[in-house]
N, C-alpha and C. Protein backbone atom coordinates (compact mmCIF):
# COMPACT_ATOMS: atom_id res chain seq x y z
N UNK A 1 0.44 -0.87 0.09
CA UNK A 1 0.01 -0.55 0.02
C UNK A 1 1.38 1.16 0.35
N UNK A 2 0.58 1.82 -0.72
CA UNK A 2 1.47 3.68 -1.05
C UNK A 2 0.29 4.63 -0.58
N UNK A 3 0.06 4.96 0.52
CA UNK A 3 0.13 6.50 1.35
C UNK A 3 0.20 7.67 0.03
N UNK A 4 -0.40 7.92 -0.33
CA UNK A 4 -0.11 9.70 -0.51
C UNK A 4 -0.95 10.32 0.25
N UNK A 5 0.16 11.61 1.17
CA UNK A 5 -0.78 12.93 1.56
C UNK A 5 -0.36 14.31 0.52
N UNK A 6 -1.54 15.38 0.62
CA UNK A 6 -1.20 15.85 -0.01
C UNK A 6 -2.13 17.28 0.74
N UNK A 7 -1.49 18.65 1.02
CA UNK A 7 -1.36 19.51 2.01
C UNK A 7 -2.29 20.74 0.69
N UNK A 8 -3.22 20.95 1.77
CA UNK A 8 -4.05 22.39 0.44
C UNK A 8 -4.70 23.45 2.35
N UNK A 9 -4.23 24.58 2.07
CA UNK A 9 -5.12 25.67 2.50
C UNK A 9 -5.29 25.30 3.26
N UNK A 10 -6.10 24.93 3.64
CA UNK A 10 -7.16 24.27 4.82
C UNK A 10 -7.07 23.33 5.72
N UNK A 11 -5.70 22.72 5.44
CA UNK A 11 -4.74 21.49 6.35
C UNK A 11 -4.51 19.96 5.21
N UNK A 12 -5.17 19.29 5.28
CA UNK A 12 -4.87 18.55 4.07
C UNK A 12 -5.78 17.18 4.12
N UNK A 13 -4.74 15.92 3.82
CA UNK A 13 -5.41 14.57 3.64
C UNK A 13 -4.00 13.50 3.32
N UNK A 14 -5.01 12.28 3.92
CA UNK A 14 -4.30 11.33 3.30
C UNK A 14 -5.06 9.75 2.89
N UNK A 15 -4.09 9.91 1.69
CA UNK A 15 -5.35 8.89 0.34
C UNK A 15 -4.68 7.22 0.89
N UNK A 16 -5.42 6.96 1.34
CA UNK A 16 -5.10 5.19 1.76
C UNK A 16 -5.17 4.32 0.42
N UNK A 17 -6.28 4.39 -0.67
CA UNK A 17 -6.63 3.60 -1.70
C UNK A 17 -7.71 4.62 -2.67
N UNK A 18 -6.70 4.62 -3.98
CA UNK A 18 -7.67 4.73 -5.26
C UNK A 18 -7.32 3.99 -6.27
N UNK A 19 -8.74 3.46 -6.24
CA UNK A 19 -9.65 3.59 -7.50
C UNK A 19 -8.93 1.57 -7.56
N UNK A 20 -8.26 1.00 -6.49
CA UNK A 20 -8.72 -0.17 -6.15
C UNK A 20 -9.56 -1.27 -5.65
N UNK A 21 -8.89 -2.81 -5.29
CA UNK A 21 -10.42 -3.24 -4.54
C UNK A 21 -10.21 -3.01 -3.42
N UNK A 22 -11.26 -2.47 -1.92
CA UNK A 22 -10.39 -3.03 -1.05
C UNK A 22 -12.32 -3.21 -0.18
N UNK A 23 -11.79 -3.06 1.03
CA UNK A 23 -12.55 -2.99 1.87
C UNK A 23 -12.67 -2.51 3.26
N UNK A 24 -13.52 -1.33 3.97
CA UNK A 24 -13.19 -0.79 4.79
C UNK A 24 -14.52 -0.79 6.09
N UNK A 25 -14.01 -1.70 7.44
CA UNK A 25 -14.66 -1.22 8.45
C UNK A 25 -13.68 -0.82 9.39
N UNK A 26 -14.60 -0.85 10.57
CA UNK A 26 -14.25 -0.50 11.78
C UNK A 26 -14.49 -1.49 12.98
N UNK A 27 -13.43 -1.89 13.13
CA UNK A 27 -13.53 -2.92 14.20
C UNK A 27 -13.36 -2.26 15.40
N UNK A 28 -14.33 -3.06 16.67
CA UNK A 28 -14.91 -2.55 17.48
C UNK A 28 -14.06 -3.44 18.87
N UNK A 29 -13.40 -3.58 19.53
CA UNK A 29 -12.91 -4.78 20.47
C UNK A 29 -12.95 -4.15 21.21
N UNK A 30 -14.20 -4.86 22.50
CA UNK A 30 -14.67 -5.07 24.27
C UNK A 30 -12.77 -4.93 25.00
N UNK A 31 -13.18 -4.77 25.92
CA UNK A 31 -11.86 -4.92 27.02
C UNK A 31 -11.38 -6.48 27.03
N UNK A 32 -10.42 -6.47 27.17
CA UNK A 32 -9.90 -7.49 27.77
C UNK A 32 -9.97 -8.25 26.56
N UNK A 33 -11.22 -8.36 25.31
CA UNK A 33 -11.37 -9.22 24.38
C UNK A 33 -10.40 -9.37 22.73
N UNK A 34 -10.26 -10.17 22.16
CA UNK A 34 -9.87 -9.85 20.99
C UNK A 34 -10.18 -10.95 19.96
N UNK A 35 -10.54 -10.30 18.67
CA UNK A 35 -10.55 -11.46 17.66
C UNK A 35 -9.18 -12.44 17.54
N UNK A 36 -9.38 -13.64 16.52
CA UNK A 36 -8.42 -14.88 16.41
C UNK A 36 -7.35 -14.90 15.96
N UNK A 37 -6.58 -15.13 16.79
CA UNK A 37 -5.04 -15.69 15.62
C UNK A 37 -5.45 -16.10 14.85
N UNK A 38 -5.20 -14.55 13.43
CA UNK A 38 -5.89 -14.95 11.89
C UNK A 38 -4.19 -15.14 11.39
N UNK A 39 -4.97 -15.50 9.91
CA UNK A 39 -4.07 -14.79 9.01
C UNK A 39 -5.38 -15.48 7.72
N UNK A 40 -4.79 -14.34 6.71
CA UNK A 40 -5.35 -14.77 5.38
C UNK A 40 -5.07 -14.96 3.93
N UNK A 41 -5.37 -15.28 3.27
CA UNK A 41 -4.87 -15.57 1.58
C UNK A 41 -5.04 -14.54 1.02
N UNK A 42 -5.42 -14.08 1.17
CA UNK A 42 -6.08 -13.07 -0.64
C UNK A 42 -5.73 -11.65 -0.07
N UNK A 43 -5.80 -11.29 0.82
CA UNK A 43 -5.96 -9.44 0.80
C UNK A 43 -4.72 -9.63 2.51
N UNK A 44 -4.58 -7.76 2.38
CA UNK A 44 -3.65 -7.40 3.48
C UNK A 44 -4.59 -6.92 3.58
N UNK A 45 -3.97 -6.31 5.10
CA UNK A 45 -4.96 -5.05 5.91
C UNK A 45 -3.59 -4.16 6.56
N UNK A 46 -4.62 -2.83 6.83
CA UNK A 46 -3.85 -1.77 6.94
C UNK A 46 -5.14 -1.25 7.70
N UNK A 47 -4.40 -1.41 9.73
CA UNK A 47 -4.87 -0.58 10.76
C UNK A 47 -4.60 0.69 11.16
N UNK A 48 -5.45 1.70 11.22
CA UNK A 48 -5.24 2.76 12.49
C UNK A 48 -6.22 2.70 13.43
N UNK A 49 -5.14 3.05 14.69
CA UNK A 49 -5.73 2.95 16.36
C UNK A 49 -6.48 3.87 16.01
N UNK A 50 -7.36 3.72 16.98
CA UNK A 50 -8.64 4.46 16.38
C UNK A 50 -8.44 6.13 18.49
N UNK A 51 -8.88 4.81 19.07
CA UNK A 51 -8.96 5.74 20.18
C UNK A 51 -7.88 5.06 21.12
N UNK A 52 -8.48 4.38 21.73
CA UNK A 52 -7.60 3.55 23.31
C UNK A 52 -6.72 2.71 23.00
N UNK A 53 -5.37 2.73 23.26
CA UNK A 53 -4.37 2.01 23.21
C UNK A 53 -4.68 0.30 22.71
N UNK A 54 -3.89 -0.45 22.22
CA UNK A 54 -4.65 -1.99 21.68
C UNK A 54 -3.12 -2.60 21.71
N UNK A 55 -3.04 -4.35 22.65
CA UNK A 55 -2.08 -4.84 22.59
C UNK A 55 -2.39 -5.57 20.73
N UNK A 56 -1.12 -5.42 20.01
CA UNK A 56 -1.37 -6.54 18.70
C UNK A 56 0.12 -6.78 18.41
N UNK A 57 -0.40 -7.89 18.03
CA UNK A 57 0.35 -8.82 17.88
C UNK A 57 0.72 -9.63 15.85
N UNK A 58 2.07 -9.05 15.55
CA UNK A 58 2.33 -9.93 14.44
C UNK A 58 3.19 -10.47 14.16
N UNK A 59 2.89 -11.81 13.12
CA UNK A 59 4.33 -12.43 13.62
C UNK A 59 3.96 -13.22 15.00
N UNK A 60 5.81 -13.11 15.31
CA UNK A 60 5.70 -12.69 16.63
C UNK A 60 5.71 -11.83 17.93
N UNK A 61 5.84 -10.94 16.46
CA UNK A 61 6.50 -9.85 17.60
C UNK A 61 4.85 -8.89 18.55
N UNK A 62 4.60 -8.78 19.91
CA UNK A 62 3.60 -8.01 20.55
C UNK A 62 3.95 -6.85 21.15
N UNK A 63 3.53 -5.82 20.61
CA UNK A 63 3.45 -3.95 20.76
C UNK A 63 2.44 -3.64 21.50
N UNK A 64 2.27 -2.87 22.18
CA UNK A 64 1.15 -1.77 22.02
C UNK A 64 1.12 -0.28 21.53
N UNK A 65 0.00 -1.08 21.11
CA UNK A 65 -0.32 0.19 19.80
C UNK A 65 -1.08 1.46 19.58
N UNK A 66 -1.19 3.04 19.40
CA UNK A 66 -1.67 3.99 20.41
C UNK A 66 -2.41 4.38 19.36
N UNK A 67 -3.16 5.63 19.83
CA UNK A 67 -3.77 6.31 19.15
C UNK A 67 -2.88 6.97 18.24
N UNK A 68 -3.83 6.43 16.47
CA UNK A 68 -3.57 7.33 15.07
C UNK A 68 -2.11 6.59 14.93
N UNK A 69 -1.66 4.51 15.28
CA UNK A 69 -0.54 4.67 14.49
C UNK A 69 -1.08 3.79 13.85
N UNK A 70 -0.48 3.53 12.45
CA UNK A 70 -0.84 2.17 10.95
C UNK A 70 -0.01 1.20 11.11
N UNK A 71 -0.87 1.15 10.75
CA UNK A 71 -0.13 -1.02 11.40
C UNK A 71 0.28 -1.47 9.50
N UNK A 72 0.86 -2.16 9.21
CA UNK A 72 0.51 -2.64 7.73
C UNK A 72 0.60 -4.05 7.84
N UNK A 73 -0.71 -5.38 7.59
CA UNK A 73 -0.56 -7.00 7.42
C UNK A 73 -0.32 -7.59 6.18
N UNK A 74 0.67 -8.13 5.99
CA UNK A 74 0.58 -8.63 4.02
C UNK A 74 0.30 -10.12 4.80
N UNK A 75 -0.70 -9.89 3.58
CA UNK A 75 -0.99 -11.41 2.80
C UNK A 75 -0.39 -12.14 3.81
N UNK A 76 -1.09 -13.17 4.60
CA UNK A 76 -0.47 -14.61 5.06
C UNK A 76 0.00 -14.05 6.60
N UNK A 77 -0.39 -12.87 6.73
CA UNK A 77 1.30 -12.77 7.70
C UNK A 77 0.15 -13.02 9.31
N UNK A 78 0.56 -13.65 10.37
CA UNK A 78 -0.41 -14.52 11.74
C UNK A 78 -0.94 -12.68 12.11
N UNK A 79 -1.63 -11.80 12.67
CA UNK A 79 -1.52 -11.36 13.22
C UNK A 79 -2.96 -11.37 14.24
N UNK A 80 -3.30 -10.40 15.75
CA UNK A 80 -4.43 -10.55 16.44
C UNK A 80 -4.24 -9.17 17.30
N UNK A 81 -5.06 -8.43 17.69
CA UNK A 81 -4.87 -7.37 18.58
C UNK A 81 -6.23 -7.70 19.72
N UNK A 82 -6.03 -6.76 21.03
CA UNK A 82 -6.67 -7.33 22.43
C UNK A 82 -6.64 -6.33 22.52
N UNK A 83 -8.13 -5.63 23.31
CA UNK A 83 -8.55 -4.21 23.80
C UNK A 83 -7.52 -4.70 25.41
N UNK A 84 -7.03 -3.71 25.90
CA UNK A 84 -6.79 -3.54 26.99
C UNK A 84 -7.19 -3.27 28.33
N UNK A 85 -7.84 -2.53 29.55
CA UNK A 85 -9.47 -2.27 30.31
C UNK A 85 -10.07 -1.43 29.25
N UNK A 86 -10.40 -0.82 28.67
CA UNK A 86 -10.95 -0.25 27.88
C UNK A 86 -10.91 -0.13 26.19
N UNK A 87 -12.59 -0.31 25.98
CA UNK A 87 -12.87 -0.52 24.45
C UNK A 87 -12.34 0.63 23.15
N UNK A 88 -11.77 -0.26 22.08
CA UNK A 88 -11.01 0.12 21.32
C UNK A 88 -11.25 -0.43 19.90
N UNK A 89 -10.89 0.52 19.02
CA UNK A 89 -11.14 0.47 18.04
C UNK A 89 -10.20 1.04 16.62
N UNK A 90 -10.37 -0.22 15.79
CA UNK A 90 -9.31 0.23 15.00
C UNK A 90 -9.78 -0.02 13.74
N UNK A 91 -9.82 0.96 12.65
CA UNK A 91 -9.94 1.46 11.75
C UNK A 91 -8.89 0.27 10.51
N UNK A 92 -9.83 -0.68 9.54
CA UNK A 92 -9.27 -1.46 8.92
C UNK A 92 -9.12 -1.04 7.60
N UNK A 93 -8.74 -1.20 6.22
CA UNK A 93 -8.72 -1.51 4.88
C UNK A 93 -7.68 -2.52 4.43
N UNK A 94 -9.09 -3.52 4.40
CA UNK A 94 -7.97 -4.93 3.61
C UNK A 94 -8.51 -3.81 2.11
N UNK A 95 -7.19 -4.86 1.80
CA UNK A 95 -7.04 -5.05 0.17
C UNK A 95 -6.71 -6.17 -0.84
N UNK A 96 -7.62 -6.26 -1.36
CA UNK A 96 -7.35 -8.18 -2.62
C UNK A 96 -8.90 -8.48 -2.43
N UNK A 97 -8.81 -9.59 -2.82
CA UNK A 97 -10.07 -10.01 -2.92
C UNK A 97 -10.86 -10.24 -1.08
N UNK A 98 -11.57 -9.60 -1.07
CA UNK A 98 -12.01 -9.74 0.10
C UNK A 98 -13.55 -10.97 0.07
N UNK A 99 -13.39 -11.85 1.48
CA UNK A 99 -13.95 -12.41 1.79
C UNK A 99 -14.31 -13.10 3.39
N UNK A 100 -15.19 -13.31 3.93
CA UNK A 100 -15.13 -13.88 5.52
C UNK A 100 -14.45 -14.57 5.23
N UNK A 101 -14.94 -15.60 4.11
CA UNK A 101 -14.05 -17.04 4.52
C UNK A 101 -13.31 -17.12 4.73
N UNK A 102 -12.05 -16.29 4.15
CA UNK A 102 -10.61 -16.16 3.69
C UNK A 102 -9.97 -15.42 5.01
N UNK A 103 -10.22 -16.64 6.29
CA UNK A 103 -9.82 -16.63 7.61
C UNK A 103 -9.41 -18.08 7.63
N UNK A 104 -7.79 -18.17 7.81
CA UNK A 104 -7.03 -19.16 8.90
C UNK A 104 -7.07 -18.90 10.46
N UNK A 105 -7.63 -19.23 11.39
CA UNK A 105 -8.20 -19.37 12.40
C UNK A 105 -7.06 -20.04 12.98
N UNK A 106 -5.77 -19.27 13.53
CA UNK A 106 -5.14 -20.48 14.50
C UNK A 106 -5.07 -20.91 15.61
N UNK A 107 -5.88 -19.75 16.44
CA UNK A 107 -6.05 -19.95 18.11
C UNK A 107 -7.36 -18.83 18.32
N UNK A 108 -8.66 -19.38 18.84
CA UNK A 108 -9.25 -18.69 19.48
C UNK A 108 -10.54 -18.60 20.83
N UNK A 109 -9.85 -17.51 21.40
CA UNK A 109 -11.08 -18.11 22.60
C UNK A 109 -12.03 -18.44 22.74
N UNK A 110 -12.84 -18.00 21.47
CA UNK A 110 -14.31 -18.64 21.28
C UNK A 110 -14.33 -20.00 20.75
N UNK A 111 -13.32 -20.61 21.00
CA UNK A 111 -13.84 -22.03 20.32
C UNK A 111 -13.99 -22.18 18.58
N UNK A 112 -13.53 -21.05 17.94
CA UNK A 112 -13.51 -21.05 16.22
C UNK A 112 -13.02 -21.58 15.79
N UNK A 113 -12.24 -22.05 16.18
CA UNK A 113 -10.44 -22.66 14.59
C UNK A 113 -11.15 -23.23 14.07
N UNK A 114 -11.65 -23.87 13.83
CA UNK A 114 -11.95 -24.25 12.84
C UNK A 114 -13.09 -24.06 11.63
N UNK A 115 -13.63 -23.22 12.29
CA UNK A 115 -14.74 -21.65 11.88
C UNK A 115 -14.59 -21.11 10.68
N UNK A 116 -15.15 -20.91 10.16
CA UNK A 116 -15.34 -20.14 9.42
C UNK A 116 -15.68 -18.56 8.81
N UNK A 117 -17.04 -18.39 9.38
CA UNK A 117 -17.16 -17.02 10.10
C UNK A 117 -17.56 -17.17 11.27
N UNK A 118 -17.85 -15.55 11.86
CA UNK A 118 -17.80 -15.43 13.44
C UNK A 118 -17.44 -15.76 13.75
């Protein structure tokens, strides 16, 4: 993903996608909860932390991500996020063919390791 920044008299903007296949979501993660430890075959993801800090795991690396921090997740890269004591939100832009079934769950608190959805 190549992000474009443009300054204007009133301020400016950052452009994340232009005329390419993408899906945009806002993930809301409850305190002390997390989506599956997962990876995708057909899409990469770009995350922006929208408010409260969150614990992010990319491969073997775990770190505290803070508001406005940007994170790029490559196709096939293992990833998850976990909210600390407050609900946290992530802007997620997925690039490539989006399909909710394109999830390989490696670990899941909710017993969905073999499930493709939810």
